[in-house]
Amino acid sequence: MSITLITMYEKNRSTGKDELIVSHGLDEEMRVVILPTEHPASLGAVFDEEMREWLLPECAIGSDQRSTDDPLRPPRQANRDDLLDWSGV
């Protein structure tokens, strides 16, 4: 399983330059995956030249299982349990 990343360019307020960041992802069943707004490579994604898309491989999904109950700990990365099913909307 891999997640296809939906990316966008956003102007960096410090540098004034446009930077590529992740908006969200789509799993293989086209369900939305919430991801941090960072450069795709910093999430462990690789660019597939043939598909012309950023892909987040399964080995990068759910690698950090820290709790989000503690506000001083960063939230855990998206994993399969975090996928949002929009089929009933």
C-alpha atoms as a PDB file:
ATOM      1  CA  MET A   1       0.000   0.000   0.000  1.00  0.00           C
ATOM      2  CA  SER A   2       1.199   3.487  -0.785  1.00  0.00           C
ATOM      3  CA  ILE A   3      -0.344   6.918  -0.502  1.00  0.00           C
ATOM      4  CA  THR A   4      -0.428   9.312  -3.443  1.00  0.00           C
ATOM      5  CA  LEU A   5       0.393  12.807  -2.224  1.00  0.00           C
ATOM      6  CA  ILE A   6      -1.518  15.864  -3.356  1.00  0.00           C
ATOM      7  CA  THR A   7       0.898  18.776  -3.342  1.00  0.00           C
ATOM      8  CA  MET A   8       0.746  22.513  -3.831  1.00  0.00           C
ATOM      9  CA  TYR A   9       3.092  25.467  -3.871  1.00  0.00           C
ATOM     10  CA  GLU A  10       2.979  27.908  -0.992  1.00  0.00           C
ATOM     11  CA  LYS A  11       4.958  31.113  -0.615  1.00  0.00           C
ATOM     12  CA  ASN A  12       7.457  30.922   2.235  1.00  0.00           C
ATOM     13  CA  ARG A  13       6.956  34.064   4.309  1.00  0.00           C
ATOM     14  CA  SER A  14      10.633  34.186   5.306  1.00  0.00           C
ATOM     15  CA  THR A  15      12.171  33.796   1.862  1.00  0.00           C
ATOM     16  CA  GLY A  16       9.329  34.951  -0.376  1.00  0.00           C
ATOM     17  CA  LYS A  17       9.911  31.874  -2.579  1.00  0.00           C
ATOM     18  CA  ASP A  18       7.311  29.307  -3.591  1.00  0.00           C
ATOM     19  CA  GLU A  19       7.890  25.937  -1.907  1.00  0.00           C
ATOM     20  CA  LEU A  20       6.343  22.549  -2.633  1.00  0.00           C
ATOM     21  CA  ILE A  21       4.338  21.193   0.307  1.00  0.00           C
ATOM     22  CA  VAL A  22       1.889  18.339   0.896  1.00  0.00           C
ATOM     23  CA  SER A  23      -1.799  19.243   1.035  1.00  0.00           C
ATOM     24  CA  HIS A  24      -3.082  15.731   1.800  1.00  0.00           C
ATOM     25  CA  GLY A  25      -2.873  12.190   0.487  1.00  0.00           C
ATOM     26  CA  LEU A  26      -5.086   9.569  -1.126  1.00  0.00           C
ATOM     27  CA  ASP A  27      -4.788   5.881  -0.329  1.00  0.00           C
ATOM     28  CA  GLU A  28      -5.303   3.140  -2.922  1.00  0.00           C
ATOM     29  CA  GLU A  29      -9.059   3.175  -2.237  1.00  0.00           C
ATOM     30  CA  MET A  30      -9.147   6.955  -2.825  1.00  0.00           C
ATOM     31  CA  ARG A  31      -9.739   7.764   0.853  1.00  0.00           C
ATOM     32  CA  VAL A  32      -8.303  11.040   2.153  1.00  0.00           C
ATOM     33  CA  VAL A  33      -5.239  10.834   4.401  1.00  0.00           C
ATOM     34  CA  ILE A  34      -4.372  13.813   6.601  1.00  0.00           C
ATOM     35  CA  LEU A  35      -0.644  14.570   6.492  1.00  0.00           C
ATOM     36  CA  PRO A  36       1.677  17.330   7.740  1.00  0.00           C
ATOM     37  CA  THR A  37       2.200  20.282   5.402  1.00  0.00           C
ATOM     38  CA  GLU A  38       5.873  19.626   4.683  1.00  0.00           C
ATOM     39  CA  HIS A  39       7.936  18.919   1.601  1.00  0.00           C
ATOM     40  CA  PRO A  40       7.040  15.396   0.348  1.00  0.00           C
ATOM     41  CA  ALA A  41      10.620  14.122   0.700  1.00  0.00           C
ATOM     42  CA  SER A  42      10.707  15.103   4.378  1.00  0.00           C
ATOM     43  CA  LEU A  43       7.793  12.686   4.934  1.00  0.00           C
ATOM     44  CA  GLY A  44       9.685   9.863   3.237  1.00  0.00           C
ATOM     45  CA  ALA A  45       7.893  10.187  -0.112  1.00  0.00           C
ATOM     46  CA  VAL A  46       9.547   9.439  -3.435  1.00  0.00           C
ATOM     47  CA  PHE A  47       8.751  10.990  -6.816  1.00  0.00           C
ATOM     48  CA  ASP A  48       7.575   8.449  -9.391  1.00  0.00           C
ATOM     49  CA  GLU A  49       8.820   9.717 -12.768  1.00  0.00           C
ATOM     50  CA  GLU A  50       6.508   7.418 -14.726  1.00  0.00           C
ATOM     51  CA  MET A  51       3.362   8.494 -12.852  1.00  0.00           C
ATOM     52  CA  ARG A  52       4.669  12.061 -12.307  1.00  0.00           C
ATOM     53  CA  GLU A  53       3.424  11.899  -8.690  1.00  0.00           C
ATOM     54  CA  TRP A  54       4.826  11.822  -5.173  1.00  0.00           C
ATOM     55  CA  LEU A  55       4.210   8.480  -3.441  1.00  0.00           C
ATOM     56  CA  LEU A  56       4.504   7.705   0.252  1.00  0.00           C
ATOM     57  CA  PRO A  57       5.503   4.035   0.540  1.00  0.00           C
ATOM     58  CA  GLU A  58       4.007   1.732   3.150  1.00  0.00           C
ATOM     59  CA  CYS A  59       7.257   1.583   5.108  1.00  0.00           C
ATOM     60  CA  ALA A  60       6.910   5.326   5.866  1.00  0.00           C
ATOM     61  CA  ILE A  61       3.310   5.043   7.112  1.00  0.00           C
ATOM     62  CA  GLY A  62       2.721   4.825  10.837  1.00  0.00           C
ATOM     63  CA  SER A  63       6.372   4.833  11.826  1.00  0.00           C
ATOM     64  CA  ASP A  64       5.737   7.144  14.789  1.00  0.00           C
ATOM     65  CA  GLN A  65       3.114   5.945  17.263  1.00  0.00           C
ATOM     66  CA  ARG A  66       3.422   8.640  19.950  1.00  0.00           C
ATOM     67  CA  SER A  67       0.243   9.716  21.668  1.00  0.00           C
ATOM     68  CA  THR A  68      -1.389  13.040  20.811  1.00  0.00           C
ATOM     69  CA  ASP A  69      -2.870  13.293  24.334  1.00  0.00           C
ATOM     70  CA  ASP A  70       0.251  15.086  25.545  1.00  0.00           C
ATOM     71  CA  PRO A  71       0.356  18.600  23.975  1.00  0.00           C
ATOM     72  CA  LEU A  72       4.169  18.663  24.284  1.00  0.00           C
ATOM     73  CA  ARG A  73       4.580  15.585  22.100  1.00  0.00           C
ATOM     74  CA  PRO A  74       4.239  15.972  18.342  1.00  0.00           C
ATOM     75  CA  PRO A  75       1.299  14.152  16.743  1.00  0.00           C
ATOM     76  CA  ARG A  76       1.966  10.736  15.281  1.00  0.00           C
ATOM     77  CA  GLN A  77       2.216  10.312  11.540  1.00  0.00           C
ATOM     78  CA  ALA A  78      -0.766   9.096   9.564  1.00  0.00           C
ATOM     79  CA  ASN A  79      -1.343   5.368   9.448  1.00  0.00           C
ATOM     80  CA  ARG A  80      -4.101   3.161   8.087  1.00  0.00           C
ATOM     81  CA  ASP A  81      -6.291   3.789  11.149  1.00  0.00           C
ATOM     82  CA  ASP A  82      -6.131   7.538  10.503  1.00  0.00           C
ATOM     83  CA  LEU A  83      -7.668   7.320   7.035  1.00  0.00           C
ATOM     84  CA  LEU A  84     -10.899   9.226   6.619  1.00  0.00           C
ATOM     85  CA  ASP A  85     -13.674   7.459   4.781  1.00  0.00           C
ATOM     86  CA  TRP A  86     -15.691  10.056   2.876  1.00  0.00           C
ATOM     87  CA  SER A  87     -17.907   7.483   1.093  1.00  0.00           C
ATOM     88  CA  GLY A  88     -20.890   8.230   3.343  1.00  0.00           C
ATOM     89  CA  VAL A  89     -20.709  11.995   2.858  1.00  0.00           C
END
